[in-house]
């Protein structure tokens, strides 16, 4: 992850369901940053027009969270693995806000799946 630091991501129930359905005989793997780039560079489905970008997905998440959720901005920024710019705040922030981020990721998954929270 950026800055050589681990970034733990709490997964939604839908993401966990997908992972549980994978063949356990396959060796574990990590996606490189180019994996998503490869996937989004495929032609967009008809009706979408513009090509997709990884940054666009992240931007959509940020806009959705700001406009529709009561989640504090610091939780959203942490979900995006953004660095804390204020050095004093960064020095004292130790927690990962996992539970708050888990709720945010679940709400995002519900939104993407057309479910209401």
PDB file of N, CA and C in Angstrom:
ATOM      1  N   UNK A   1       0.842  -1.178   0.000  1.00  0.00           N
ATOM      2  CA  UNK A   1       0.000   0.000   0.000  1.00  0.00           C
ATOM      3  C   UNK A   1       0.880   1.231   0.000  1.00  0.00           C
ATOM      4  N   UNK A   2       0.266   2.349  -0.218  1.00  0.00           N
ATOM      5  CA  UNK A   2       1.008   3.609  -0.240  1.00  0.00           C
ATOM      6  C   UNK A   2       1.842   3.761   1.021  1.00  0.00           C
ATOM      7  N   UNK A   3       3.032   4.275   0.877  1.00  0.00           N
ATOM      8  CA  UNK A   3       3.871   4.532   2.038  1.00  0.00           C
ATOM      9  C   UNK A   3       4.394   3.279   2.701  1.00  0.00           C
ATOM     10  N   UNK A   4       4.228   2.124   2.074  1.00  0.00           N
ATOM     11  CA  UNK A   4       4.730   0.883   2.641  1.00  0.00           C
ATOM     12  C   UNK A   4       3.978   0.405   3.871  1.00  0.00           C
ATOM     13  N   UNK A   5       2.795   0.960   4.117  1.00  0.00           N
ATOM     14  CA  UNK A   5       2.012   0.566   5.287  1.00  0.00           C
ATOM     15  C   UNK A   5       0.873  -0.347   4.862  1.00  0.00           C
ATOM     16  N   UNK A   6       0.565  -1.327   5.705  1.00  0.00           N
ATOM     17  CA  UNK A   6      -0.566  -2.202   5.433  1.00  0.00           C
ATOM     18  C   UNK A   6      -1.861  -1.403   5.504  1.00  0.00           C
ATOM     19  N   UNK A   7      -2.812  -1.780   4.684  1.00  0.00           N
ATOM     20  CA  UNK A   7      -4.140  -1.158   4.702  1.00  0.00           C
ATOM     21  C   UNK A   7      -5.154  -2.283   4.812  1.00  0.00           C
ATOM     22  N   UNK A   8      -5.774  -2.400   5.959  1.00  0.00           N
ATOM     23  CA  UNK A   8      -6.762  -3.441   6.186  1.00  0.00           C
ATOM     24  C   UNK A   8      -8.128  -2.940   5.731  1.00  0.00           C
ATOM     25  N   UNK A   9      -8.837  -3.782   4.992  1.00  0.00           N
ATOM     26  CA  UNK A   9     -10.131  -3.397   4.437  1.00  0.00           C
ATOM     27  C   UNK A   9     -11.215  -4.305   5.004  1.00  0.00           C
ATOM     28  N   UNK A  10     -12.147  -3.736   5.773  1.00  0.00           N
ATOM     29  CA  UNK A  10     -13.272  -4.543   6.241  1.00  0.00           C
ATOM     30  C   UNK A  10     -14.209  -4.808   5.062  1.00  0.00           C
ATOM     31  N   UNK A  11     -14.576  -6.051   4.862  1.00  0.00           N
ATOM     32  CA  UNK A  11     -15.359  -6.430   3.691  1.00  0.00           C
ATOM     33  C   UNK A  11     -16.845  -6.495   3.997  1.00  0.00           C
ATOM     34  N   UNK A  12     -17.641  -6.190   2.993  1.00  0.00           N
ATOM     35  CA  UNK A  12     -19.095  -6.303   3.101  1.00  0.00           C
ATOM     36  C   UNK A  12     -19.488  -7.775   3.088  1.00  0.00           C
ATOM     37  N   UNK A  13     -20.732  -8.043   3.445  1.00  0.00           N
ATOM     38  CA  UNK A  13     -21.202  -9.432   3.420  1.00  0.00           C
ATOM     39  C   UNK A  13     -21.178  -9.982   1.992  1.00  0.00           C
ATOM     40  N   UNK A  14     -21.468  -9.139   1.000  1.00  0.00           N
ATOM     41  CA  UNK A  14     -21.434  -9.595  -0.398  1.00  0.00           C
ATOM     42  C   UNK A  14     -20.018  -9.976  -0.811  1.00  0.00           C
ATOM     43  N   UNK A  15     -19.039  -9.176  -0.412  1.00  0.00           N
ATOM     44  CA  UNK A  15     -17.642  -9.491  -0.741  1.00  0.00           C
ATOM     45  C   UNK A  15     -17.215 -10.785  -0.062  1.00  0.00           C
ATOM     46  N   UNK A  16     -17.622 -10.961   1.182  1.00  0.00           N
ATOM     47  CA  UNK A  16     -17.281 -12.197   1.902  1.00  0.00           C
ATOM     48  C   UNK A  16     -17.927 -13.412   1.244  1.00  0.00           C
ATOM     49  N   UNK A  17     -19.145 -13.259   0.764  1.00  0.00           N
ATOM     50  CA  UNK A  17     -19.828 -14.358   0.075  1.00  0.00           C
ATOM     51  C   UNK A  17     -19.061 -14.767  -1.177  1.00  0.00           C
ATOM     52  N   UNK A  18     -18.584 -13.789  -1.931  1.00  0.00           N
ATOM     53  CA  UNK A  18     -17.793 -14.080  -3.136  1.00  0.00           C
ATOM     54  C   UNK A  18     -16.520 -14.825  -2.757  1.00  0.00           C
ATOM     55  N   UNK A  19     -15.824 -14.342  -1.748  1.00  0.00           N
ATOM     56  CA  UNK A  19     -14.569 -14.983  -1.336  1.00  0.00           C
ATOM     57  C   UNK A  19     -14.799 -16.404  -0.842  1.00  0.00           C
ATOM     58  N   UNK A  20     -15.881 -16.602  -0.116  1.00  0.00           N
ATOM     59  CA  UNK A  20     -16.176 -17.954   0.396  1.00  0.00           C
ATOM     60  C   UNK A  20     -16.506 -18.921  -0.733  1.00  0.00           C
ATOM     61  N   UNK A  21     -16.963 -18.394  -1.857  1.00  0.00           N
ATOM     62  CA  UNK A  21     -17.314 -19.236  -2.990  1.00  0.00           C
ATOM     63  C   UNK A  21     -16.139 -19.602  -3.881  1.00  0.00           C
ATOM     64  N   UNK A  22     -14.972 -19.027  -3.618  1.00  0.00           N
ATOM     65  CA  UNK A  22     -13.799 -19.330  -4.436  1.00  0.00           C
ATOM     66  C   UNK A  22     -13.271 -20.725  -4.141  1.00  0.00           C
ATOM     67  N   UNK A  23     -12.652 -21.308  -5.133  1.00  0.00           N
ATOM     68  CA  UNK A  23     -12.054 -22.629  -4.976  1.00  0.00           C
ATOM     69  C   UNK A  23     -10.870 -22.538  -4.013  1.00  0.00           C
ATOM     70  N   UNK A  24     -10.963 -23.224  -2.905  1.00  0.00           N
ATOM     71  CA  UNK A  24      -9.910 -23.163  -1.886  1.00  0.00           C
ATOM     72  C   UNK A  24      -8.636 -23.895  -2.309  1.00  0.00           C
ATOM     73  N   UNK A  25      -8.700 -24.636  -3.399  1.00  0.00           N
ATOM     74  CA  UNK A  25      -7.510 -25.342  -3.870  1.00  0.00           C
ATOM     75  C   UNK A  25      -6.563 -24.408  -4.615  1.00  0.00           C
ATOM     76  N   UNK A  26      -7.077 -23.258  -5.021  1.00  0.00           N
ATOM     77  CA  UNK A  26      -6.224 -22.300  -5.725  1.00  0.00           C
ATOM     78  C   UNK A  26      -5.280 -21.639  -4.728  1.00  0.00           C
ATOM     79  N   UNK A  27      -4.067 -21.339  -5.156  1.00  0.00           N
ATOM     80  CA  UNK A  27      -3.143 -20.663  -4.235  1.00  0.00           C
ATOM     81  C   UNK A  27      -3.630 -19.243  -3.962  1.00  0.00           C
ATOM     82  N   UNK A  28      -3.382 -18.733  -2.759  1.00  0.00           N
ATOM     83  CA  UNK A  28      -3.785 -17.350  -2.475  1.00  0.00           C
ATOM     84  C   UNK A  28      -2.979 -16.385  -3.339  1.00  0.00           C
ATOM     85  N   UNK A  29      -3.572 -15.269  -3.647  1.00  0.00           N
ATOM     86  CA  UNK A  29      -2.876 -14.287  -4.470  1.00  0.00           C
ATOM     87  C   UNK A  29      -3.281 -12.888  -4.018  1.00  0.00           C
ATOM     88  N   UNK A  30      -2.461 -11.951  -4.356  1.00  0.00           N
ATOM     89  CA  UNK A  30      -2.777 -10.542  -4.121  1.00  0.00           C
ATOM     90  C   UNK A  30      -2.913  -9.868  -5.475  1.00  0.00           C
ATOM     91  N   UNK A  31      -3.870  -8.988  -5.582  1.00  0.00           N
ATOM     92  CA  UNK A  31      -4.036  -8.254  -6.832  1.00  0.00           C
ATOM     93  C   UNK A  31      -3.022  -7.121  -6.877  1.00  0.00           C
ATOM     94  N   UNK A  32      -2.407  -6.955  -8.009  1.00  0.00           N
ATOM     95  CA  UNK A  32      -1.517  -5.806  -8.178  1.00  0.00           C
ATOM     96  C   UNK A  32      -2.370  -4.596  -8.537  1.00  0.00           C
ATOM     97  N   UNK A  33      -1.778  -3.429  -8.485  1.00  0.00           N
ATOM     98  CA  UNK A  33      -2.528  -2.231  -8.870  1.00  0.00           C
ATOM     99  C   UNK A  33      -2.910  -2.290 -10.343  1.00  0.00           C
ATOM    100  N   UNK A  34      -2.178  -3.058 -11.132  1.00  0.00           N
ATOM    101  CA  UNK A  34      -2.486  -3.165 -12.552  1.00  0.00           C
ATOM    102  C   UNK A  34      -3.662  -4.091 -12.835  1.00  0.00           C
ATOM    103  N   UNK A  35      -4.044  -4.944 -11.880  1.00  0.00           N
ATOM    104  CA  UNK A  35      -5.171  -5.848 -12.097  1.00  0.00           C
ATOM    105  C   UNK A  35      -6.446  -5.055 -12.329  1.00  0.00           C
ATOM    106  N   UNK A  36      -6.731  -4.110 -11.451  1.00  0.00           N
ATOM    107  CA  UNK A  36      -7.934  -3.292 -11.619  1.00  0.00           C
ATOM    108  C   UNK A  36      -7.837  -2.443 -12.883  1.00  0.00           C
ATOM    109  N   UNK A  37      -6.662  -1.922 -13.154  1.00  0.00           N
ATOM    110  CA  UNK A  37      -6.468  -1.115 -14.356  1.00  0.00           C
ATOM    111  C   UNK A  37      -6.799  -1.936 -15.598  1.00  0.00           C
ATOM    112  N   UNK A  38      -6.336  -3.184 -15.629  1.00  0.00           N
ATOM    113  CA  UNK A  38      -6.621  -4.080 -16.750  1.00  0.00           C
ATOM    114  C   UNK A  38      -8.130  -4.295 -16.893  1.00  0.00           C
ATOM    115  N   UNK A  39      -8.801  -4.528 -15.775  1.00  0.00           N
ATOM    116  CA  UNK A  39     -10.232  -4.814 -15.818  1.00  0.00           C
ATOM    117  C   UNK A  39     -11.053  -3.621 -16.283  1.00  0.00           C
ATOM    118  N   UNK A  40     -10.686  -2.426 -15.856  1.00  0.00           N
ATOM    119  CA  UNK A  40     -11.488  -1.261 -16.228  1.00  0.00           C
ATOM    120  C   UNK A  40     -11.141  -0.716 -17.607  1.00  0.00           C
ATOM    121  N   UNK A  41     -10.054  -1.172 -18.206  1.00  0.00           N
ATOM    122  CA  UNK A  41      -9.708  -0.698 -19.541  1.00  0.00           C
ATOM    123  C   UNK A  41     -10.427  -1.472 -20.635  1.00  0.00           C
ATOM    124  N   UNK A  42     -11.164  -2.493 -20.258  1.00  0.00           N
ATOM    125  CA  UNK A  42     -11.981  -3.188 -21.241  1.00  0.00           C
ATOM    126  C   UNK A  42     -13.058  -2.208 -21.723  1.00  0.00           C
ATOM    127  N   UNK A  43     -13.597  -2.419 -22.917  1.00  0.00           N
ATOM    128  CA  UNK A  43     -14.628  -1.498 -23.405  1.00  0.00           C
ATOM    129  C   UNK A  43     -15.802  -1.399 -22.427  1.00  0.00           C
ATOM    130  N   UNK A  44     -16.290  -0.177 -22.249  1.00  0.00           N
ATOM    131  CA  UNK A  44     -17.420   0.057 -21.345  1.00  0.00           C
ATOM    132  C   UNK A  44     -18.683  -0.556 -21.933  1.00  0.00           C
ATOM    133  N   UNK A  45     -19.589  -1.025 -21.073  1.00  0.00           N
ATOM    134  CA  UNK A  45     -20.861  -1.543 -21.580  1.00  0.00           C
ATOM    135  C   UNK A  45     -21.613  -0.457 -22.357  1.00  0.00           C
ATOM    136  N   UNK A  46     -22.439  -0.872 -23.302  1.00  0.00           N
ATOM    137  CA  UNK A  46     -23.208   0.090 -24.095  1.00  0.00           C
ATOM    138  C   UNK A  46     -24.033   0.975 -23.162  1.00  0.00           C
ATOM    139  N   UNK A  47     -24.064   2.240 -23.481  1.00  0.00           N
ATOM    140  CA  UNK A  47     -24.838   3.178 -22.683  1.00  0.00           C
ATOM    141  C   UNK A  47     -24.032   3.905 -21.629  1.00  0.00           C
ATOM    142  N   UNK A  48     -22.818   3.444 -21.355  1.00  0.00           N
ATOM    143  CA  UNK A  48     -21.996   4.102 -20.347  1.00  0.00           C
ATOM    144  C   UNK A  48     -21.124   5.192 -20.955  1.00  0.00           C
ATOM    145  N   UNK A  49     -20.806   5.085 -22.228  1.00  0.00           N
ATOM    146  CA  UNK A  49     -20.065   6.138 -22.902  1.00  0.00           C
ATOM    147  C   UNK A  49     -18.602   6.193 -22.543  1.00  0.00           C
ATOM    148  N   UNK A  50     -18.268   6.978 -21.540  1.00  0.00           N
ATOM    149  CA  UNK A  50     -16.867   7.215 -21.191  1.00  0.00           C
ATOM    150  C   UNK A  50     -16.197   5.959 -20.657  1.00  0.00           C
ATOM    151  N   UNK A  51     -14.884   5.839 -20.851  1.00  0.00           N
ATOM    152  CA  UNK A  51     -14.173   4.691 -20.274  1.00  0.00           C
ATOM    153  C   UNK A  51     -14.095   4.814 -18.752  1.00  0.00           C
ATOM    154  N   UNK A  52     -13.979   3.681 -18.097  1.00  0.00           N
ATOM    155  CA  UNK A  52     -13.845   3.642 -16.645  1.00  0.00           C
ATOM    156  C   UNK A  52     -12.388   3.844 -16.260  1.00  0.00           C
ATOM    157  N   UNK A  53     -12.158   4.362 -15.067  1.00  0.00           N
ATOM    158  CA  UNK A  53     -10.813   4.433 -14.499  1.00  0.00           C
ATOM    159  C   UNK A  53     -10.886   3.999 -13.044  1.00  0.00           C
ATOM    160  N   UNK A  54      -9.781   3.494 -12.520  1.00  0.00           N
ATOM    161  CA  UNK A  54      -9.739   3.107 -11.109  1.00  0.00           C
ATOM    162  C   UNK A  54      -9.981   4.339 -10.249  1.00  0.00           C
ATOM    163  N   UNK A  55      -9.359   5.445 -10.611  1.00  0.00           N
ATOM    164  CA  UNK A  55      -9.560   6.675  -9.839  1.00  0.00           C
ATOM    165  C   UNK A  55     -11.028   7.088  -9.860  1.00  0.00           C
ATOM    166  N   UNK A  56     -11.699   6.839 -10.976  1.00  0.00           N
ATOM    167  CA  UNK A  56     -13.121   7.158 -11.070  1.00  0.00           C
ATOM    168  C   UNK A  56     -13.950   6.376 -10.068  1.00  0.00           C
ATOM    169  N   UNK A  57     -13.622   5.101  -9.859  1.00  0.00           N
ATOM    170  CA  UNK A  57     -14.329   4.303  -8.854  1.00  0.00           C
ATOM    171  C   UNK A  57     -14.127   4.901  -7.469  1.00  0.00           C
ATOM    172  N   UNK A  58     -12.904   5.273  -7.177  1.00  0.00           N
ATOM    173  CA  UNK A  58     -12.590   5.856  -5.868  1.00  0.00           C
ATOM    174  C   UNK A  58     -13.300   7.199  -5.701  1.00  0.00           C
ATOM    175  N   UNK A  59     -13.328   7.985  -6.757  1.00  0.00           N
ATOM    176  CA  UNK A  59     -13.995   9.279  -6.722  1.00  0.00           C
ATOM    177  C   UNK A  59     -15.502   9.113  -6.518  1.00  0.00           C
ATOM    178  N   UNK A  60     -16.087   8.133  -7.188  1.00  0.00           N
ATOM    179  CA  UNK A  60     -17.519   7.852  -7.008  1.00  0.00           C
ATOM    180  C   UNK A  60     -17.816   7.490  -5.560  1.00  0.00           C
ATOM    181  N   UNK A  61     -16.969   6.651  -4.978  1.00  0.00           N
ATOM    182  CA  UNK A  61     -17.143   6.261  -3.578  1.00  0.00           C
ATOM    183  C   UNK A  61     -17.087   7.492  -2.680  1.00  0.00           C
ATOM    184  N   UNK A  62     -16.096   8.353  -2.917  1.00  0.00           N
ATOM    185  CA  UNK A  62     -15.917   9.550  -2.081  1.00  0.00           C
ATOM    186  C   UNK A  62     -17.123  10.466  -2.182  1.00  0.00           C
ATOM    187  N   UNK A  63     -17.602  10.695  -3.400  1.00  0.00           N
ATOM    188  CA  UNK A  63     -18.775  11.552  -3.593  1.00  0.00           C
ATOM    189  C   UNK A  63     -20.012  10.946  -2.946  1.00  0.00           C
ATOM    190  N   UNK A  64     -20.232   9.657  -3.156  1.00  0.00           N
ATOM    191  CA  UNK A  64     -21.386   8.979  -2.563  1.00  0.00           C
ATOM    192  C   UNK A  64     -21.353   9.097  -1.045  1.00  0.00           C
ATOM    193  N   UNK A  65     -20.202   8.840  -0.450  1.00  0.00           N
ATOM    194  CA  UNK A  65     -20.087   8.896   1.011  1.00  0.00           C
ATOM    195  C   UNK A  65     -20.373  10.304   1.524  1.00  0.00           C
ATOM    196  N   UNK A  66     -19.833  11.318   0.861  1.00  0.00           N
ATOM    197  CA  UNK A  66     -20.027  12.699   1.305  1.00  0.00           C
ATOM    198  C   UNK A  66     -21.478  13.146   1.154  1.00  0.00           C
ATOM    199  N   UNK A  67     -22.129  12.699   0.092  1.00  0.00           N
ATOM    200  CA  UNK A  67     -23.472  13.175  -0.208  1.00  0.00           C
ATOM    201  C   UNK A  67     -24.586  12.381   0.455  1.00  0.00           C
ATOM    202  N   UNK A  68     -24.322  11.133   0.809  1.00  0.00           N
ATOM    203  CA  UNK A  68     -25.429  10.294   1.288  1.00  0.00           C
ATOM    204  C   UNK A  68     -25.233   9.694   2.672  1.00  0.00           C
ATOM    205  N   UNK A  69     -24.041   9.749   3.206  1.00  0.00           N
ATOM    206  CA  UNK A  69     -23.772   9.087   4.481  1.00  0.00           C
ATOM    207  C   UNK A  69     -23.446  10.113   5.565  1.00  0.00           C
ATOM    208  N   UNK A  70     -23.701   9.740   6.805  1.00  0.00           N
ATOM    209  CA  UNK A  70     -23.345  10.585   7.947  1.00  0.00           C
ATOM    210  C   UNK A  70     -21.978  10.205   8.503  1.00  0.00           C
ATOM    211  N   UNK A  71     -21.214   9.479   7.740  1.00  0.00           N
ATOM    212  CA  UNK A  71     -19.893   9.016   8.171  1.00  0.00           C
ATOM    213  C   UNK A  71     -18.922  10.189   8.208  1.00  0.00           C
ATOM    214  N   UNK A  72     -18.158  10.331   9.295  1.00  0.00           N
ATOM    215  CA  UNK A  72     -17.158  11.407   9.346  1.00  0.00           C
ATOM    216  C   UNK A  72     -16.162  11.295   8.190  1.00  0.00           C
ATOM    217  N   UNK A  73     -15.732  12.439   7.687  1.00  0.00           N
ATOM    218  CA  UNK A  73     -14.789  12.475   6.573  1.00  0.00           C
ATOM    219  C   UNK A  73     -13.520  11.707   6.842  1.00  0.00           C
ATOM    220  N   UNK A  74     -13.059  11.699   8.094  1.00  0.00           N
ATOM    221  CA  UNK A  74     -11.819  10.984   8.414  1.00  0.00           C
ATOM    222  C   UNK A  74     -11.974   9.482   8.197  1.00  0.00           C
ATOM    223  N   UNK A  75     -13.180   8.955   8.417  1.00  0.00           N
ATOM    224  CA  UNK A  75     -13.427   7.527   8.193  1.00  0.00           C
ATOM    225  C   UNK A  75     -13.390   7.235   6.692  1.00  0.00           C
ATOM    226  N   UNK A  76     -14.000   8.106   5.914  1.00  0.00           N
ATOM    227  CA  UNK A  76     -14.008   7.935   4.460  1.00  0.00           C
ATOM    228  C   UNK A  76     -12.587   8.023   3.910  1.00  0.00           C
ATOM    229  N   UNK A  77     -11.829   9.002   4.377  1.00  0.00           N
ATOM    230  CA  UNK A  77     -10.449   9.152   3.917  1.00  0.00           C
ATOM    231  C   UNK A  77      -9.608   7.938   4.301  1.00  0.00           C
ATOM    232  N   UNK A  78      -9.862   7.389   5.485  1.00  0.00           N
ATOM    233  CA  UNK A  78      -9.124   6.202   5.906  1.00  0.00           C
ATOM    234  C   UNK A  78      -9.521   5.002   5.041  1.00  0.00           C
ATOM    235  N   UNK A  79     -10.803   4.923   4.663  1.00  0.00           N
ATOM    236  CA  UNK A  79     -11.256   3.837   3.787  1.00  0.00           C
ATOM    237  C   UNK A  79     -10.548   3.901   2.437  1.00  0.00           C
ATOM    238  N   UNK A  80     -10.210   5.106   2.004  1.00  0.00           N
ATOM    239  CA  UNK A  80      -9.505   5.294   0.735  1.00  0.00           C
ATOM    240  C   UNK A  80      -7.990   5.217   0.886  1.00  0.00           C
ATOM    241  N   UNK A  81      -7.527   4.963   2.093  1.00  0.00           N
ATOM    242  CA  UNK A  81      -6.093   4.872   2.402  1.00  0.00           C
ATOM    243  C   UNK A  81      -5.370   6.182   2.128  1.00  0.00           C
ATOM    244  N   UNK A  82      -6.072   7.292   2.324  1.00  0.00           N
ATOM    245  CA  UNK A  82      -5.426   8.590   2.163  1.00  0.00           C
ATOM    246  C   UNK A  82      -4.612   8.918   3.405  1.00  0.00           C
ATOM    247  N   UNK A  83      -3.466   9.511   3.192  1.00  0.00           N
ATOM    248  CA  UNK A  83      -2.593   9.900   4.298  1.00  0.00           C
ATOM    249  C   UNK A  83      -3.192  11.100   5.024  1.00  0.00           C
ATOM    250  N   UNK A  84      -2.916  11.181   6.318  1.00  0.00           N
ATOM    251  CA  UNK A  84      -3.336  12.334   7.111  1.00  0.00           C
ATOM    252  C   UNK A  84      -2.308  13.434   6.881  1.00  0.00           C
ATOM    253  N   UNK A  85      -2.759  14.560   6.394  1.00  0.00           N
ATOM    254  CA  UNK A  85      -1.826  15.642   6.045  1.00  0.00           C
ATOM    255  C   UNK A  85      -1.304  16.387   7.262  1.00  0.00           C
ATOM    256  N   UNK A  86      -2.139  16.509   8.282  1.00  0.00           N
ATOM    257  CA  UNK A  86      -1.728  17.220   9.484  1.00  0.00           C
ATOM    258  C   UNK A  86      -0.782  16.331  10.275  1.00  0.00           C
ATOM    259  N   UNK A  87       0.462  16.745  10.426  1.00  0.00           N
ATOM    260  CA  UNK A  87       1.477  15.906  11.078  1.00  0.00           C
ATOM    261  C   UNK A  87       1.141  15.612  12.531  1.00  0.00           C
ATOM    262  N   UNK A  88       0.592  16.581  13.244  1.00  0.00           N
ATOM    263  CA  UNK A  88       0.237  16.357  14.648  1.00  0.00           C
ATOM    264  C   UNK A  88      -0.880  15.326  14.754  1.00  0.00           C
ATOM    265  N   UNK A  89      -1.909  15.472  13.923  1.00  0.00           N
ATOM    266  CA  UNK A  89      -3.004  14.508  13.939  1.00  0.00           C
ATOM    267  C   UNK A  89      -2.504  13.122  13.554  1.00  0.00           C
ATOM    268  N   UNK A  90      -1.657  13.048  12.545  1.00  0.00           N
ATOM    269  CA  UNK A  90      -1.110  11.766  12.101  1.00  0.00           C
ATOM    270  C   UNK A  90      -0.306  11.096  13.208  1.00  0.00           C
ATOM    271  N   UNK A  91       0.395  11.886  14.014  1.00  0.00           N
ATOM    272  CA  UNK A  91       1.215  11.330  15.092  1.00  0.00           C
ATOM    273  C   UNK A  91       0.361  10.694  16.182  1.00  0.00           C
ATOM    274  N   UNK A  92      -0.841  11.225  16.395  1.00  0.00           N
ATOM    275  CA  UNK A  92      -1.687  10.726  17.478  1.00  0.00           C
ATOM    276  C   UNK A  92      -2.743   9.728  17.023  1.00  0.00           C
ATOM    277  N   UNK A  93      -3.005   9.662  15.735  1.00  0.00           N
ATOM    278  CA  UNK A  93      -4.035   8.739  15.254  1.00  0.00           C
ATOM    279  C   UNK A  93      -3.455   7.339  15.194  1.00  0.00           C
ATOM    280  N   UNK A  94      -3.923   6.463  16.032  1.00  0.00           N
ATOM    281  CA  UNK A  94      -3.402   5.090  16.082  1.00  0.00           C
ATOM    282  C   UNK A  94      -4.426   4.060  15.598  1.00  0.00           C
ATOM    283  N   UNK A  95      -5.695   4.366  15.774  1.00  0.00           N
ATOM    284  CA  UNK A  95      -6.743   3.412  15.443  1.00  0.00           C
ATOM    285  C   UNK A  95      -6.973   3.282  13.948  1.00  0.00           C
ATOM    286  N   UNK A  96      -7.604   2.192  13.577  1.00  0.00           N
ATOM    287  CA  UNK A  96      -7.908   1.933  12.169  1.00  0.00           C
ATOM    288  C   UNK A  96      -9.388   2.157  11.856  1.00  0.00           C
ATOM    289  N   UNK A  97     -10.193   2.461  12.892  1.00  0.00           N
ATOM    290  CA  UNK A  97     -11.621   2.712  12.711  1.00  0.00           C
ATOM    291  C   UNK A  97     -12.304   1.578  11.937  1.00  0.00           C
ATOM    292  N   UNK A  98     -11.897   0.367  12.232  1.00  0.00           N
ATOM    293  CA  UNK A  98     -12.375  -0.799  11.472  1.00  0.00           C
ATOM    294  C   UNK A  98     -13.895  -0.935  11.499  1.00  0.00           C
ATOM    295  N   UNK A  99     -14.517  -0.832  12.663  1.00  0.00           N
ATOM    296  CA  UNK A  99     -15.968  -1.026  12.737  1.00  0.00           C
ATOM    297  C   UNK A  99     -16.712   0.063  11.967  1.00  0.00           C
ATOM    298  N   UNK A 100     -16.280   1.295  12.083  1.00  0.00           N
ATOM    299  CA  UNK A 100     -16.921   2.382  11.333  1.00  0.00           C
ATOM    300  C   UNK A 100     -16.718   2.192   9.834  1.00  0.00           C
ATOM    301  N   UNK A 101     -15.548   1.739   9.459  1.00  0.00           N
ATOM    302  CA  UNK A 101     -15.282   1.485   8.043  1.00  0.00           C
ATOM    303  C   UNK A 101     -16.067   0.274   7.553  1.00  0.00           C
ATOM    304  N   UNK A 102     -16.256  -0.731   8.403  1.00  0.00           N
ATOM    305  CA  UNK A 102     -17.050  -1.901   8.018  1.00  0.00           C
ATOM    306  C   UNK A 102     -18.484  -1.480   7.704  1.00  0.00           C
ATOM    307  N   UNK A 103     -19.054  -0.637   8.548  1.00  0.00           N
ATOM    308  CA  UNK A 103     -20.415  -0.146   8.308  1.00  0.00           C
ATOM    309  C   UNK A 103     -20.490   0.654   7.006  1.00  0.00           C
ATOM    310  N   UNK A 104     -19.466   1.452   6.748  1.00  0.00           N
ATOM    311  CA  UNK A 104     -19.414   2.233   5.512  1.00  0.00           C
ATOM    312  C   UNK A 104     -19.309   1.317   4.296  1.00  0.00           C
ATOM    313  N   UNK A 105     -18.461   0.300   4.367  1.00  0.00           N
ATOM    314  CA  UNK A 105     -18.300  -0.629   3.241  1.00  0.00           C
ATOM    315  C   UNK A 105     -19.586  -1.413   3.000  1.00  0.00           C
ATOM    316  N   UNK A 106     -20.297  -1.766   4.080  1.00  0.00           N
ATOM    317  CA  UNK A 106     -21.563  -2.476   3.921  1.00  0.00           C
ATOM    318  C   UNK A 106     -22.596  -1.572   3.249  1.00  0.00           C
ATOM    319  N   UNK A 107     -22.644  -0.307   3.661  1.00  0.00           N
ATOM    320  CA  UNK A 107     -23.573   0.642   3.040  1.00  0.00           C
ATOM    321  C   UNK A 107     -23.237   0.836   1.561  1.00  0.00           C
ATOM    322  N   UNK A 108     -21.947   0.905   1.231  1.00  0.00           N
ATOM    323  CA  UNK A 108     -21.505   1.052  -0.165  1.00  0.00           C
ATOM    324  C   UNK A 108     -21.925  -0.168  -0.980  1.00  0.00           C
ATOM    325  N   UNK A 109     -21.704  -1.353  -0.431  1.00  0.00           N
ATOM    326  CA  UNK A 109     -22.098  -2.581  -1.130  1.00  0.00           C
ATOM    327  C   UNK A 109     -23.608  -2.606  -1.342  1.00  0.00           C
ATOM    328  N   UNK A 110     -24.362  -2.225  -0.319  1.00  0.00           N
ATOM    329  CA  UNK A 110     -25.821  -2.178  -0.455  1.00  0.00           C
ATOM    330  C   UNK A 110     -26.228  -1.224  -1.574  1.00  0.00           C
ATOM    331  N   UNK A 111     -25.576  -0.082  -1.636  1.00  0.00           N
ATOM    332  CA  UNK A 111     -25.863   0.896  -2.691  1.00  0.00           C
ATOM    333  C   UNK A 111     -25.555   0.304  -4.069  1.00  0.00           C
ATOM    334  N   UNK A 112     -24.388  -0.312  -4.209  1.00  0.00           N
ATOM    335  CA  UNK A 112     -24.001  -0.890  -5.499  1.00  0.00           C
ATOM    336  C   UNK A 112     -24.931  -2.016  -5.928  1.00  0.00           C
ATOM    337  N   UNK A 113     -25.466  -2.733  -4.957  1.00  0.00           N
ATOM    338  CA  UNK A 113     -26.359  -3.851  -5.251  1.00  0.00           C
ATOM    339  C   UNK A 113     -27.822  -3.421  -5.351  1.00  0.00           C
ATOM    340  N   UNK A 114     -28.074  -2.111  -5.206  1.00  0.00           N
ATOM    341  CA  UNK A 114     -29.437  -1.602  -5.321  1.00  0.00           C
ATOM    342  C   UNK A 114     -30.285  -1.859  -4.100  1.00  0.00           C
ATOM    343  N   UNK A 115     -29.648  -2.092  -2.976  1.00  0.00           N
ATOM    344  CA  UNK A 115     -30.373  -2.329  -1.722  1.00  0.00           C
ATOM    345  C   UNK A 115     -30.454  -1.030  -0.938  1.00  0.00           C
ATOM    346  N   UNK A 116     -31.443  -0.945  -0.063  1.00  0.00           N
ATOM    347  CA  UNK A 116     -31.521   0.219   0.818  1.00  0.00           C
ATOM    348  C   UNK A 116     -30.880  -0.132   2.142  1.00  0.00           C
ATOM    349  N   UNK A 117     -30.334   0.872   2.811  1.00  0.00           N
ATOM    350  CA  UNK A 117     -29.670   0.637   4.103  1.00  0.00           C
ATOM    351  C   UNK A 117     -30.680   0.474   5.205  1.00  0.00           C
TER     352      UNK A 117
END
